[in-house]
Structures are given as C-alpha cells and as structure tokens.
PDB file of N, CA and C in Angstrom:
ATOM      1  N   MET A   1       0.964  -0.937  -0.003  1.00  0.00           N
ATOM      2  CA  MET A   1      -0.374  -0.061  -0.316  1.00  0.00           C
ATOM      3  C   MET A   1       1.025   1.342   0.128  1.00  0.00           C
ATOM      4  N   THR A   2       0.090   2.341  -0.640  1.00  0.00           N
ATOM      5  CA  THR A   2       0.937   3.514  -0.662  1.00  0.00           C
ATOM      6  C   THR A   2       1.259   4.314   0.533  1.00  0.00           C
ATOM      7  N   THR A   3       1.921   4.964   0.791  1.00  0.00           N
ATOM      8  CA  THR A   3       1.823   5.588   2.113  1.00  0.00           C
ATOM      9  C   THR A   3       1.878   7.433   1.724  1.00  0.00           C
ATOM     10  N   TYR A   4       1.183   8.057   2.353  1.00  0.00           N
ATOM     11  CA  TYR A   4       1.350   9.464   2.112  1.00  0.00           C
ATOM     12  C   TYR A   4       2.508  10.410   2.433  1.00  0.00           C
ATOM     13  N   ILE A   5       2.534  10.796   1.534  1.00  0.00           N
ATOM     14  CA  ILE A   5       3.892  11.930   1.683  1.00  0.00           C
ATOM     15  C   ILE A   5       3.577  13.273   1.567  1.00  0.00           C
ATOM     16  N   PRO A   6       3.813  14.389   2.572  1.00  0.00           N
ATOM     17  CA  PRO A   6       3.263  15.655   2.367  1.00  0.00           C
ATOM     18  C   PRO A   6       4.147  16.038   1.292  1.00  0.00           C
ATOM     19  N   GLY A   7       3.648  16.921   0.216  1.00  0.00           N
ATOM     20  CA  GLY A   7       4.265  17.789  -0.613  1.00  0.00           C
ATOM     21  C   GLY A   7       4.544  16.802  -1.701  1.00  0.00           C
ATOM     22  N   GLU A   8       4.043  15.607  -2.032  1.00  0.00           N
ATOM     23  CA  GLU A   8       4.872  14.819  -2.881  1.00  0.00           C
ATOM     24  C   GLU A   8       3.514  14.115  -3.716  1.00  0.00           C
ATOM     25  N   PRO A   9       2.963  14.793  -4.362  1.00  0.00           N
ATOM     26  CA  PRO A   9       1.934  14.002  -5.199  1.00  0.00           C
ATOM     27  C   PRO A   9       2.037  13.022  -6.310  1.00  0.00           C
ATOM     28  N   TRP A  10       1.229  12.578  -6.661  1.00  0.00           N
ATOM     29  CA  TRP A  10       1.728  11.218  -7.821  1.00  0.00           C
ATOM     30  C   TRP A  10       1.397  11.702  -9.118  1.00  0.00           C
ATOM     31  N   PHE A  11       2.162  11.514  -9.853  1.00  0.00           N
ATOM     32  CA  PHE A  11       2.366  12.054 -11.209  1.00  0.00           C
ATOM     33  C   PHE A  11       2.069  10.940 -12.258  1.00  0.00           C
ATOM     34  N   LEU A  12       1.924  11.160 -13.564  1.00  0.00           N
ATOM     35  CA  LEU A  12       1.875   9.837 -14.411  1.00  0.00           C
ATOM     36  C   LEU A  12       2.941  10.746 -15.430  1.00  0.00           C
ATOM     37  N   CYS A  13       4.029   9.753 -15.547  1.00  0.00           N
ATOM     38  CA  CYS A  13       4.810   9.873 -16.725  1.00  0.00           C
ATOM     39  C   CYS A  13       4.120  10.011 -18.464  1.00  0.00           C
ATOM     40  N   GLU A  14       4.294  11.048 -18.903  1.00  0.00           N
ATOM     41  CA  GLU A  14       3.728  11.213 -20.204  1.00  0.00           C
ATOM     42  C   GLU A  14       4.182  10.397 -21.359  1.00  0.00           C
ATOM     43  N   ILE A  15       5.485   9.739 -21.076  1.00  0.00           N
ATOM     44  CA  ILE A  15       5.958   8.766 -22.018  1.00  0.00           C
ATOM     45  C   ILE A  15       5.716   7.069 -21.701  1.00  0.00           C
ATOM     46  N   CYS A  16       5.853   6.989 -20.707  1.00  0.00           N
ATOM     47  CA  CYS A  16       5.693   5.120 -20.121  1.00  0.00           C
ATOM     48  C   CYS A  16       4.631   4.938 -19.677  1.00  0.00           C
ATOM     49  N   GLY A  17       3.840   6.087 -18.810  1.00  0.00           N
ATOM     50  CA  GLY A  17       2.650   6.207 -18.197  1.00  0.00           C
ATOM     51  C   GLY A  17       2.900   5.389 -16.934  1.00  0.00           C
ATOM     52  N   PHE A  18       4.028   5.113 -16.021  1.00  0.00           N
ATOM     53  CA  PHE A  18       4.014   4.768 -14.809  1.00  0.00           C
ATOM     54  C   PHE A  18       3.736   5.842 -13.941  1.00  0.00           C
ATOM     55  N   ARG A  19       3.188   5.543 -12.785  1.00  0.00           N
ATOM     56  CA  ARG A  19       2.956   6.639 -11.729  1.00  0.00           C
ATOM     57  C   ARG A  19       4.202   6.795 -10.761  1.00  0.00           C
ATOM     58  N   ARG A  20       4.542   7.875 -10.698  1.00  0.00           N
ATOM     59  CA  ARG A  20       5.805   8.308 -10.266  1.00  0.00           C
ATOM     60  C   ARG A  20       5.370   9.450  -8.838  1.00  0.00           C
ATOM     61  N   ARG A  21       6.101   9.593  -7.833  1.00  0.00           N
ATOM     62  CA  ARG A  21       5.962  10.851  -7.191  1.00  0.00           C
ATOM     63  C   ARG A  21       6.862  11.919  -7.898  1.00  0.00           C
ATOM     64  N   ARG A  22       6.260  12.872  -7.180  1.00  0.00           N
ATOM     65  CA  ARG A  22       6.688  14.476  -7.708  1.00  0.00           C
ATOM     66  C   ARG A  22       8.151  14.590  -7.847  1.00  0.00           C
ATOM     67  N   SER A  23       9.215  14.116  -6.664  1.00  0.00           N
ATOM     68  CA  SER A  23      10.626  14.265  -7.006  1.00  0.00           C
ATOM     69  C   SER A  23      11.096  13.205  -7.863  1.00  0.00           C
ATOM     70  N   GLN A  24      10.360  12.351  -8.635  1.00  0.00           N
ATOM     71  CA  GLN A  24      10.893  11.609  -9.509  1.00  0.00           C
ATOM     72  C   GLN A  24      10.654  11.761 -10.812  1.00  0.00           C
ATOM     73  N   ILE A  25      10.008  13.136 -10.882  1.00  0.00           N
ATOM     74  CA  ILE A  25       9.328  13.767 -12.439  1.00  0.00           C
ATOM     75  C   ILE A  25      10.104  14.421 -12.671  1.00  0.00           C
ATOM     76  N   ARG A  26      10.410  14.852 -14.267  1.00  0.00           N
ATOM     77  CA  ARG A  26      11.131  16.122 -14.505  1.00  0.00           C
ATOM     78  C   ARG A  26      10.300  16.421 -15.769  1.00  0.00           C
ATOM     79  N   LYS A  27      10.569  17.815 -16.269  1.00  0.00           N
ATOM     80  CA  LYS A  27       9.879  17.938 -17.467  1.00  0.00           C
ATOM     81  C   LYS A  27      11.333  18.227 -18.551  1.00  0.00           C
ATOM     82  N   ASN A  28      10.833  17.533 -19.774  1.00  0.00           N
ATOM     83  CA  ASN A  28      11.795  17.569 -20.791  1.00  0.00           C
ATOM     84  C   ASN A  28      11.828  18.733 -21.623  1.00  0.00           C
ATOM     85  N   TRP A  29      12.274  19.066 -22.842  1.00  0.00           N
ATOM     86  CA  TRP A  29      12.336  19.917 -23.383  1.00  0.00           C
ATOM     87  C   TRP A  29      11.308  20.371 -24.263  1.00  0.00           C
ATOM     88  N   LYS A  30      10.224  19.255 -24.698  1.00  0.00           N
ATOM     89  CA  LYS A  30       8.922  19.583 -24.728  1.00  0.00           C
ATOM     90  C   LYS A  30       7.843  19.804 -23.913  1.00  0.00           C
ATOM     91  N   ASN A  31       8.172  20.076 -22.631  1.00  0.00           N
ATOM     92  CA  ASN A  31       7.709  20.605 -21.608  1.00  0.00           C
ATOM     93  C   ASN A  31       6.607  19.256 -21.319  1.00  0.00           C
ATOM     94  N   GLN A  32       6.867  18.277 -21.323  1.00  0.00           N
ATOM     95  CA  GLN A  32       6.340  17.157 -20.665  1.00  0.00           C
ATOM     96  C   GLN A  32       6.671  16.577 -19.624  1.00  0.00           C
ATOM     97  N   LYS A  33       5.783  16.099 -18.378  1.00  0.00           N
ATOM     98  CA  LYS A  33       6.507  15.280 -17.547  1.00  0.00           C
ATOM     99  C   LYS A  33       6.738  14.093 -17.445  1.00  0.00           C
ATOM    100  N   VAL A  34       8.266  13.518 -17.188  1.00  0.00           N
ATOM    101  CA  VAL A  34       8.531  12.109 -17.589  1.00  0.00           C
ATOM    102  C   VAL A  34       9.238  11.853 -16.148  1.00  0.00           C
ATOM    103  N   CYS A  35       9.515  10.873 -16.249  1.00  0.00           N
ATOM    104  CA  CYS A  35      10.369   9.933 -15.589  1.00  0.00           C
ATOM    105  C   CYS A  35      11.815  10.806 -15.713  1.00  0.00           C
ATOM    106  N   ALA A  36      12.683  11.056 -14.200  1.00  0.00           N
ATOM    107  CA  ALA A  36      13.742  11.605 -14.122  1.00  0.00           C
ATOM    108  C   ALA A  36      14.710  10.639 -14.647  1.00  0.00           C
ATOM    109  N   ASP A  37      14.560   9.106 -13.997  1.00  0.00           N
ATOM    110  CA  ASP A  37      15.648   8.430 -14.343  1.00  0.00           C
ATOM    111  C   ASP A  37      15.720   7.613 -15.430  1.00  0.00           C
ATOM    112  N   THR A  38      14.266   7.452 -16.339  1.00  0.00           N
ATOM    113  CA  THR A  38      14.173   6.443 -17.397  1.00  0.00           C
ATOM    114  C   THR A  38      13.598   7.053 -18.617  1.00  0.00           C
ATOM    115  N   CYS A  39      13.115   8.059 -18.457  1.00  0.00           N
ATOM    116  CA  CYS A  39      12.301   8.620 -19.851  1.00  0.00           C
ATOM    117  C   CYS A  39      12.735  10.106 -20.255  1.00  0.00           C
ATOM    118  N   TYR A  40      13.652  10.316 -19.267  1.00  0.00           N
ATOM    119  CA  TYR A  40      13.909  11.643 -19.622  1.00  0.00           C
ATOM    120  C   TYR A  40      15.657  11.898 -20.560  1.00  0.00           C
ATOM    121  N   GLU A  41      15.191  12.882 -21.714  1.00  0.00           N
ATOM    122  CA  GLU A  41      16.060  13.016 -22.796  1.00  0.00           C
ATOM    123  C   GLU A  41      16.192  14.327 -22.865  1.00  0.00           C
ATOM    124  N   PRO A  42      17.580  14.828 -22.835  1.00  0.00           N
ATOM    125  CA  PRO A  42      18.044  16.403 -23.323  1.00  0.00           C
ATOM    126  C   PRO A  42      17.664  16.484 -24.575  1.00  0.00           C
ATOM    127  N   LYS A  43      17.492  17.724 -24.721  1.00  0.00           N
ATOM    128  CA  LYS A  43      17.465  18.345 -26.266  1.00  0.00           C
ATOM    129  C   LYS A  43      18.967  18.131 -27.083  1.00  0.00           C
ATOM    130  N   HIS A  44      18.776  17.550 -27.920  1.00  0.00           N
ATOM    131  CA  HIS A  44      19.743  17.309 -28.897  1.00  0.00           C
ATOM    132  C   HIS A  44      20.021  18.419 -29.493  1.00  0.00           C
ATOM    133  N   PRO A  45      21.523  18.769 -29.741  1.00  0.00           N
ATOM    134  CA  PRO A  45      22.353  19.937 -30.107  1.00  0.00           C
ATOM    135  C   PRO A  45      21.842  20.597 -31.531  1.00  0.00           C
ATOM    136  N   GLN A  46      21.629  19.094 -32.138  1.00  0.00           N
ATOM    137  CA  GLN A  46      21.136  19.604 -33.504  1.00  0.00           C
ATOM    138  C   GLN A  46      19.532  20.293 -34.067  1.00  0.00           C
ATOM    139  N   LEU A  47      19.047  20.219 -32.693  1.00  0.00           N
ATOM    140  CA  LEU A  47      17.761  20.652 -32.711  1.00  0.00           C
ATOM    141  C   LEU A  47      17.467  22.590 -32.593  1.00  0.00           C
ATOM    142  N   SER A  48      19.033  22.766 -32.239  1.00  0.00           N
ATOM    143  CA  SER A  48      18.965  24.306 -31.804  1.00  0.00           C
ATOM    144  C   SER A  48      20.058  25.008 -32.788  1.00  0.00           C
ATOM    145  N   ILE A  49      20.096  24.351 -33.905  1.00  0.00           N
ATOM    146  CA  ILE A  49      21.207  25.030 -34.988  1.00  0.00           C
ATOM    147  C   ILE A  49      20.917  26.511 -35.574  1.00  0.00           C
ATOM    148  N   ARG A  50      21.531  27.403 -35.350  1.00  0.00           N
ATOM    149  CA  ARG A  50      21.180  28.789 -35.838  1.00  0.00           C
ATOM    150  C   ARG A  50      21.726  28.870 -37.484  1.00  0.00           C
ATOM    151  N   ALA A  51      20.858  29.579 -38.232  1.00  0.00           N
ATOM    152  CA  ALA A  51      21.204  29.524 -39.393  1.00  0.00           C
ATOM    153  C   ALA A  51      22.425  30.652 -39.679  1.00  0.00           C
ATOM    154  N   VAL A  52      23.443  30.477 -40.635  1.00  0.00           N
ATOM    155  CA  VAL A  52      24.400  31.053 -40.773  1.00  0.00           C
ATOM    156  C   VAL A  52      23.697  32.161 -41.718  1.00  0.00           C
ATOM    157  N   LYS A  53      24.069  33.533 -41.421  1.00  0.00           N
ATOM    158  CA  LYS A  53      23.721  34.848 -41.894  1.00  0.00           C
ATOM    159  C   LYS A  53      24.143  34.976 -43.500  1.00  0.00           C
ATOM    160  N   GLU A  54      23.393  34.755 -44.378  1.00  0.00           N
ATOM    161  CA  GLU A  54      24.063  34.841 -45.694  1.00  0.00           C
ATOM    162  C   GLU A  54      24.511  36.601 -46.100  1.00  0.00           C
ATOM    163  N   THR A  55      26.006  36.660 -46.652  1.00  0.00           N
ATOM    164  CA  THR A  55      25.860  37.789 -47.054  1.00  0.00           C
ATOM    165  C   THR A  55      25.812  38.292 -48.502  1.00  0.00           C
ATOM    166  N   ILE A  56      24.968  39.482 -48.767  1.00  0.00           N
ATOM    167  CA  ILE A  56      24.458  39.792 -50.129  1.00  0.00           C
ATOM    168  C   ILE A  56      25.453  40.530 -51.097  1.00  0.00           C
ATOM    169  N   ALA A  57      26.622  41.155 -50.279  1.00  0.00           N
ATOM    170  CA  ALA A  57      27.380  41.866 -50.449  1.00  0.00           C
ATOM    171  C   ALA A  57      28.307  41.157 -52.154  1.00  0.00           C
ATOM    172  N   VAL A  58      28.288  42.011 -53.076  1.00  0.00           N
ATOM    173  CA  VAL A  58      29.323  41.217 -54.263  1.00  0.00           C
ATOM    174  C   VAL A  58      30.541  41.437 -54.397  1.00  0.00           C
ATOM    175  N   ARG A  59      31.382  40.654 -54.214  1.00  0.00           N
ATOM    176  CA  ARG A  59      32.759  41.427 -54.490  1.00  0.00           C
ATOM    177  C   ARG A  59      33.314  41.508 -55.838  1.00  0.00           C
ATOM    178  N   GLU A  60      34.263  42.365 -55.950  1.00  0.00           N
ATOM    179  CA  GLU A  60      34.707  42.929 -57.046  1.00  0.00           C
ATOM    180  C   GLU A  60      33.536  43.471 -57.990  1.00  0.00           C
ATOM    181  N   ALA A  61      32.616  43.838 -57.932  1.00  0.00           N
ATOM    182  CA  ALA A  61      31.375  44.432 -58.745  1.00  0.00           C
ATOM    183  C   ALA A  61      32.059  45.537 -59.923  1.00  0.00           C
ATOM    184  N   ARG A  62      31.424  45.144 -60.983  1.00  0.00           N
ATOM    185  CA  ARG A  62      32.017  45.890 -61.867  1.00  0.00           C
ATOM    186  C   ARG A  62      30.989  47.415 -62.164  1.00  0.00           C
ATOM    187  N   PRO A  63      31.557  48.567 -62.309  1.00  0.00           N
ATOM    188  CA  PRO A  63      30.915  49.676 -62.320  1.00  0.00           C
ATOM    189  C   PRO A  63      29.793  49.210 -63.320  1.00  0.00           C
ATOM    190  N   GLU A  64      28.625  50.277 -63.084  1.00  0.00           N
ATOM    191  CA  GLU A  64      27.857  50.044 -64.616  1.00  0.00           C
ATOM    192  C   GLU A  64      27.948  50.937 -65.802  1.00  0.00           C
ATOM    193  N   GLY A  65      27.781  50.737 -66.844  1.00  0.00           N
ATOM    194  CA  GLY A  65      28.178  50.853 -68.164  1.00  0.00           C
ATOM    195  C   GLY A  65      27.190  52.135 -68.329  1.00  0.00           C
ATOM    196  N   GLU A  66      27.315  53.177 -69.262  1.00  0.00           N
ATOM    197  CA  GLU A  66      26.427  54.326 -69.464  1.00  0.00           C
ATOM    198  C   GLU A  66      25.657  53.652 -70.493  1.00  0.00           C
ATOM    199  N   ASP A  67      24.488  54.110 -70.549  1.00  0.00           N
ATOM    200  CA  ASP A  67      22.964  53.665 -71.347  1.00  0.00           C
ATOM    201  C   ASP A  67      23.285  53.930 -72.496  1.00  0.00           C
ATOM    202  N   VAL A  68      23.044  53.119 -73.505  1.00  0.00           N
ATOM    203  CA  VAL A  68      23.163  53.699 -74.978  1.00  0.00           C
ATOM    204  C   VAL A  68      21.901  53.404 -75.606  1.00  0.00           C
ATOM    205  N   TYR A  69      21.715  54.635 -76.132  1.00  0.00           N
ATOM    206  CA  TYR A  69      20.157  54.707 -77.352  1.00  0.00           C
ATOM    207  C   TYR A  69      20.451  54.672 -78.191  1.00  0.00           C
ATOM    208  N   LEU A  70      19.721  53.878 -78.927  1.00  0.00           N
ATOM    209  CA  LEU A  70      19.969  53.812 -80.497  1.00  0.00           C
ATOM    210  C   LEU A  70      18.677  54.589 -81.283  1.00  0.00           C
ATOM    211  N   GLU A  71      19.003  55.105 -82.253  1.00  0.00           N
ATOM    212  CA  GLU A  71      18.160  55.539 -83.007  1.00  0.00           C
ATOM    213  C   GLU A  71      17.524  54.742 -84.235  1.00  0.00           C
ATOM    214  N   PRO A  72      16.509  55.140 -84.935  1.00  0.00           N
ATOM    215  CA  PRO A  72      16.001  54.346 -85.753  1.00  0.00           C
ATOM    216  C   PRO A  72      17.099  53.594 -86.518  1.00  0.00           C
ATOM    217  N   GLY A  73      17.845  54.603 -87.300  1.00  0.00           N
ATOM    218  CA  GLY A  73      18.451  54.065 -88.239  1.00  0.00           C
ATOM    219  C   GLY A  73      19.786  53.600 -87.989  1.00  0.00           C
ATOM    220  N   ASP A  74      20.139  53.164 -86.856  1.00  0.00           N
ATOM    221  CA  ASP A  74      21.295  52.890 -86.162  1.00  0.00           C
ATOM    222  C   ASP A  74      21.618  51.319 -86.538  1.00  0.00           C
ATOM    223  N   VAL A  75      20.393  50.439 -86.409  1.00  0.00           N
ATOM    224  CA  VAL A  75      20.398  49.106 -86.754  1.00  0.00           C
ATOM    225  C   VAL A  75      19.968  48.836 -88.053  1.00  0.00           C
ATOM    226  N   THR A  76      20.974  47.953 -88.782  1.00  0.00           N
ATOM    227  CA  THR A  76      20.187  47.940 -90.156  1.00  0.00           C
ATOM    228  C   THR A  76      20.247  46.061 -90.165  1.00  0.00           C
ATOM    229  N   PRO A  77      19.899  45.445 -91.034  1.00  0.00           N
ATOM    230  CA  PRO A  77      19.829  44.018 -91.152  1.00  0.00           C
ATOM    231  C   PRO A  77      20.963  43.451 -91.426  1.00  0.00           C
ATOM    232  N   ASP A  78      22.190  44.524 -92.007  1.00  0.00           N
ATOM    233  CA  ASP A  78      23.204  43.953 -92.401  1.00  0.00           C
ATOM    234  C   ASP A  78      24.190  43.504 -90.996  1.00  0.00           C
ATOM    235  N   SER A  79      23.875  44.851 -90.136  1.00  0.00           N
ATOM    236  CA  SER A  79      24.631  44.627 -88.719  1.00  0.00           C
ATOM    237  C   SER A  79      24.260  43.731 -87.923  1.00  0.00           C
ATOM    238  N   LEU A  80      23.221  42.726 -87.989  1.00  0.00           N
ATOM    239  CA  LEU A  80      22.806  41.788 -87.126  1.00  0.00           C
ATOM    240  C   LEU A  80      23.575  40.784 -87.850  1.00  0.00           C
TER     241      LEU A  80
END
C-alpha cells in the first residue's frame, strides 16, 4: 500500500505512463512531465542550430556602363 508523503503528489509519466512521485518527475524540452531516471532525454544540439547569415554583398563588382540609346537608323539587317 502506498503511504502519504506531504508535498509529494503522484504524477503520471507522459512517455511510459508509470505513476511516480513528484520528486521522481522532470520536465523535458517539450514541456512533458516524464520519469527523471528512465524517460528523460535532454534536447539534442542539432535541434538548436542557428542559420548562418548570408552576405549579399558582391565582391569585385564592376561599375555600371553608360546607357546606349539607338536611333531608328542605327541598326540595319546587315549589322545583325
């Protein structure tokens, strides 16, 4: 038979379903109450990877050339 312990309520592990005392329960990274000795798993470091900021700057960019406007008689079928 179970005995009464003040301040130690029973909890159900959300992974295995076993009934444990409050001192034997721990919250995991998904905020689930799980057994501290068997079901608890720390958050894997691969789940917390931060993206590398991409630089948008173009190295050794060339200056823009001047705009060239063509007149109607500048292009002929022979020049193509």
